[in-house]
Amino acid sequence: MSPKPSTGHGRSRHGGSRHGGDDLRARAGDLVVTRWGAWFLNRRFPCAVGRGGVGEKRREGDSVTPVGRHRIEVVLHRPDRLAGTGRGIEPRDGWSDDPKDPAYNRMVRRPHRFSHEALRRADRQYDLLAVLDWNRDPPVPGLGSAIFLHVWRRPRYPTAGCIAFRRADLDFILSRMGPRARVVVRD
């Protein structure tokens, strides 16, 4: 596969790299994710990716896990279920997924008049989550939102574009990732 063009220093303005395939070099301490699993600190971890596969994300709702080098912006957790560092998820916290919303691809307070998803869920998928920098600075409406690392629903069950792990594995990874570590997603 030939490399795709890059826009400045290997990163697009949407967060993550615009390179494909073998151009996504990882450094020691990076989390490397493919459709077949993830690797971190010389260990392999099973994971789930988007039901649309791993590739170039084209639009909101395509369920594609975006290829690229991504940074973790913030780690969130449910304080009523987990002790943890990072910001606690409050009952009214949500995440905008509506391209018409001025707060698109940002945390919002519910009730919220635009389409959004609740971060405080009855299931355990968002008990621990990390927000990736995909399409965040600034967000391009419609390019995709809410790309997270989170707890999987069940082993390898596809996501809407996020990367999901067994809870113990996600805990292990997030507790050991350094501040310069990246999430490198390869197709």
Protein backbone atom coordinates (compact mmCIF):
# COMPACT_ATOMS: atom_id res chain seq x y z
CA MET A 1 0.00 0.00 0.00
CA SER A 2 1.44 3.36 -0.92
CA PRO A 3 1.56 6.10 1.69
CA LYS A 4 -1.20 8.67 1.73
CA PRO A 5 -0.13 12.31 1.71
CA SER A 6 0.50 13.98 5.01
CA THR A 7 -0.54 17.45 6.06
CA GLY A 8 2.20 18.91 8.19
CA HIS A 9 4.34 16.85 10.54
CA GLY A 10 2.37 13.65 9.91
CA ARG A 11 -0.78 14.89 11.62
CA SER A 12 -3.95 16.25 10.13
CA ARG A 13 -5.90 19.09 11.64
CA HIS A 14 -8.49 16.47 12.61
CA GLY A 15 -6.21 14.76 15.14
CA GLY A 16 -4.29 11.65 14.31
CA SER A 17 -2.06 11.05 11.33
CA ARG A 18 -3.26 11.12 7.74
CA HIS A 19 -0.76 8.38 6.84
CA GLY A 20 -1.88 4.86 6.05
CA GLY A 21 -0.36 1.41 6.49
CA ASP A 22 3.35 1.07 7.21
CA ASP A 23 3.93 4.82 7.66
CA LEU A 24 2.42 4.59 11.14
CA ARG A 25 5.59 3.96 13.10
CA ALA A 26 5.21 3.47 16.82
CA ARG A 27 7.61 4.46 19.57
CA ALA A 28 8.29 2.58 22.77
CA GLY A 29 5.33 3.17 25.09
CA ASP A 30 2.77 3.69 22.30
CA LEU A 31 -0.38 1.58 22.16
CA VAL A 32 -0.61 -0.02 18.70
CA VAL A 33 -4.08 -1.08 17.54
CA THR A 34 -5.12 -3.13 14.49
CA ARG A 35 -8.28 -5.02 13.63
CA TRP A 36 -6.53 -8.15 15.01
CA GLY A 37 -5.65 -6.79 18.44
CA ALA A 38 -3.50 -4.30 20.31
CA TRP A 39 0.11 -4.29 21.48
CA PHE A 40 1.48 -2.35 24.42
CA LEU A 41 4.73 -2.80 26.37
CA ASN A 42 5.49 -6.02 24.46
CA ARG A 43 2.12 -7.55 25.39
CA ARG A 44 -0.78 -8.41 23.13
CA PHE A 45 -4.32 -7.45 24.16
CA PRO A 46 -7.57 -8.48 22.50
CA CYS A 47 -9.67 -5.48 21.54
CA ALA A 48 -12.73 -4.49 19.55
CA VAL A 49 -12.78 -1.84 16.82
CA GLY A 50 -15.54 -0.23 14.80
CA ARG A 51 -18.03 -2.38 12.92
CA GLY A 52 -16.97 -0.41 9.81
CA GLY A 53 -13.40 -1.67 10.29
CA VAL A 54 -10.18 0.29 10.60
CA GLY A 55 -9.47 2.89 7.91
CA GLU A 56 -9.93 6.46 6.79
CA LYS A 57 -12.86 7.95 8.66
CA ARG A 58 -15.15 9.74 6.22
CA ARG A 59 -18.24 10.85 8.14
CA GLU A 60 -20.22 10.79 11.37
CA GLY A 61 -21.88 7.42 11.87
CA ASP A 62 -19.67 5.34 9.53
CA SER A 63 -18.51 3.18 12.50
CA VAL A 64 -14.90 3.28 11.26
CA THR A 65 -12.02 3.35 13.74
CA PRO A 66 -9.78 6.07 12.27
CA VAL A 67 -6.26 5.13 11.18
CA GLY A 68 -3.63 7.45 12.59
CA ARG A 69 -1.47 8.49 15.50
CA HIS A 70 -3.76 9.80 18.21
CA ARG A 71 -3.17 11.34 21.61
CA ILE A 72 -5.22 10.77 24.72
CA GLU A 73 -6.67 14.11 25.78
CA VAL A 74 -8.33 13.11 29.03
CA VAL A 75 -9.21 9.99 31.02
CA LEU A 76 -12.71 9.86 32.53
CA HIS A 77 -14.21 7.42 35.02
CA ARG A 78 -17.41 6.69 36.94
CA PRO A 79 -16.52 7.71 40.53
CA ASP A 80 -19.50 5.79 41.92
CA ARG A 81 -18.09 2.57 40.40
CA LEU A 82 -14.32 3.12 40.30
CA ALA A 83 -11.73 4.91 42.32
CA GLY A 84 -9.51 6.62 39.84
CA THR A 85 -7.50 9.53 38.70
CA GLY A 86 -8.76 11.82 36.02
CA ARG A 87 -12.10 13.53 35.76
CA GLY A 88 -15.19 11.88 37.18
CA ILE A 89 -18.20 11.38 34.90
CA GLU A 90 -21.18 13.19 36.39
CA PRO A 91 -24.83 12.13 35.89
CA ARG A 92 -25.55 14.96 33.41
CA ASP A 93 -22.39 14.56 31.29
CA GLY A 94 -22.87 13.82 27.61
CA TRP A 95 -20.94 14.01 24.32
CA SER A 96 -22.28 15.87 21.28
CA ASP A 97 -22.47 13.85 18.05
CA ASP A 98 -24.60 16.34 16.10
CA PRO A 99 -22.72 18.13 13.27
CA LYS A 100 -25.17 21.08 13.62
CA ASP A 101 -24.22 21.57 17.28
CA PRO A 102 -21.73 24.38 18.00
CA ALA A 103 -20.40 22.00 20.70
CA TYR A 104 -19.93 19.14 18.18
CA ASN A 105 -17.46 16.49 19.39
CA ARG A 106 -17.27 18.06 22.84
CA MET A 107 -18.51 17.18 26.29
CA VAL A 108 -21.92 18.72 27.03
CA ARG A 109 -24.31 18.92 29.98
CA ARG A 110 -27.65 17.14 29.64
CA PRO A 111 -30.36 17.91 28.88
CA HIS A 112 -28.89 19.18 25.61
CA ARG A 113 -31.00 20.24 22.65
CA PHE A 114 -28.74 18.64 20.02
CA SER A 115 -28.11 14.92 19.49
CA HIS A 116 -25.64 13.51 22.02
CA GLU A 117 -24.80 10.36 23.92
CA ALA A 118 -24.88 10.01 27.69
CA LEU A 119 -21.49 9.35 29.26
CA ARG A 120 -23.07 8.04 32.45
CA ARG A 121 -24.51 4.71 31.29
CA ALA A 122 -26.33 1.82 32.94
CA ASP A 123 -23.88 -0.66 31.39
CA ARG A 124 -20.17 -0.60 32.26
CA GLN A 125 -18.73 0.46 28.90
CA TYR A 126 -17.94 4.01 30.00
CA ASP A 127 -16.93 3.24 33.58
CA LEU A 128 -13.40 4.02 32.37
CA LEU A 129 -12.73 5.83 29.11
CA ALA A 130 -10.06 7.88 27.39
CA VAL A 131 -10.94 10.61 24.89
CA LEU A 132 -8.75 10.55 21.76
CA ASP A 133 -7.85 13.69 19.81
CA TRP A 134 -9.69 12.59 16.63
CA ASN A 135 -11.36 15.61 14.98
CA ARG A 136 -10.97 17.77 18.07
CA ASP A 137 -8.85 20.86 17.34
CA PRO A 138 -10.97 22.29 15.83
CA PRO A 139 -13.70 19.74 15.13
CA VAL A 140 -14.91 19.54 11.53
CA PRO A 141 -18.70 19.04 11.63
CA GLY A 142 -19.67 15.63 10.27
CA LEU A 143 -16.17 14.09 10.21
CA GLY A 144 -16.84 11.91 13.25
CA SER A 145 -17.02 12.30 16.99
CA ALA A 146 -16.55 10.48 20.28
CA ILE A 147 -13.57 8.28 19.43
CA PHE A 148 -12.73 6.76 22.80
CA LEU A 149 -10.84 3.91 24.42
CA HIS A 150 -13.42 2.21 26.64
CA VAL A 151 -14.54 -1.06 28.23
CA TRP A 152 -15.97 -3.55 25.74
CA ARG A 153 -19.56 -4.76 25.79
CA ARG A 154 -18.33 -8.32 25.35
CA PRO A 155 -15.21 -9.84 23.77
CA ARG A 156 -14.55 -8.41 20.32
CA TYR A 157 -18.09 -7.04 19.94
CA PRO A 158 -17.78 -4.24 17.33
CA THR A 159 -18.06 -0.61 18.41
CA ALA A 160 -19.37 2.52 16.69
CA GLY A 161 -15.73 3.47 15.90
CA CYS A 162 -14.11 3.40 19.33
CA ILE A 163 -11.46 0.95 20.56
CA ALA A 164 -12.71 -1.28 23.37
CA PHE A 165 -10.88 -3.58 25.80
CA ARG A 166 -11.53 -5.90 28.69
CA ARG A 167 -11.73 -3.67 31.78
CA ALA A 168 -8.58 -5.09 33.43
CA ASP A 169 -6.61 -4.61 30.20
CA LEU A 170 -7.80 -1.02 29.76
CA ASP A 171 -6.85 -0.31 33.37
CA PHE A 172 -3.37 -1.81 32.78
CA ILE A 173 -2.83 0.20 29.59
CA LEU A 174 -4.06 3.57 30.87
CA SER A 175 -2.18 3.29 34.16
CA ARG A 176 1.11 2.77 32.28
CA MET A 177 0.83 5.11 29.30
CA GLY A 178 3.15 8.06 29.64
CA PRO A 179 2.16 11.64 28.79
CA ARG A 180 3.86 11.45 25.36
CA ALA A 181 2.44 8.04 24.44
CA ARG A 182 0.19 7.76 21.43
CA VAL A 183 -2.52 5.41 20.24
CA VAL A 184 -1.30 4.25 16.82
CA VAL A 185 -4.12 2.73 14.76
CA ARG A 186 -3.07 0.75 11.68
CA ASP A 187 -5.15 -0.93 9.01
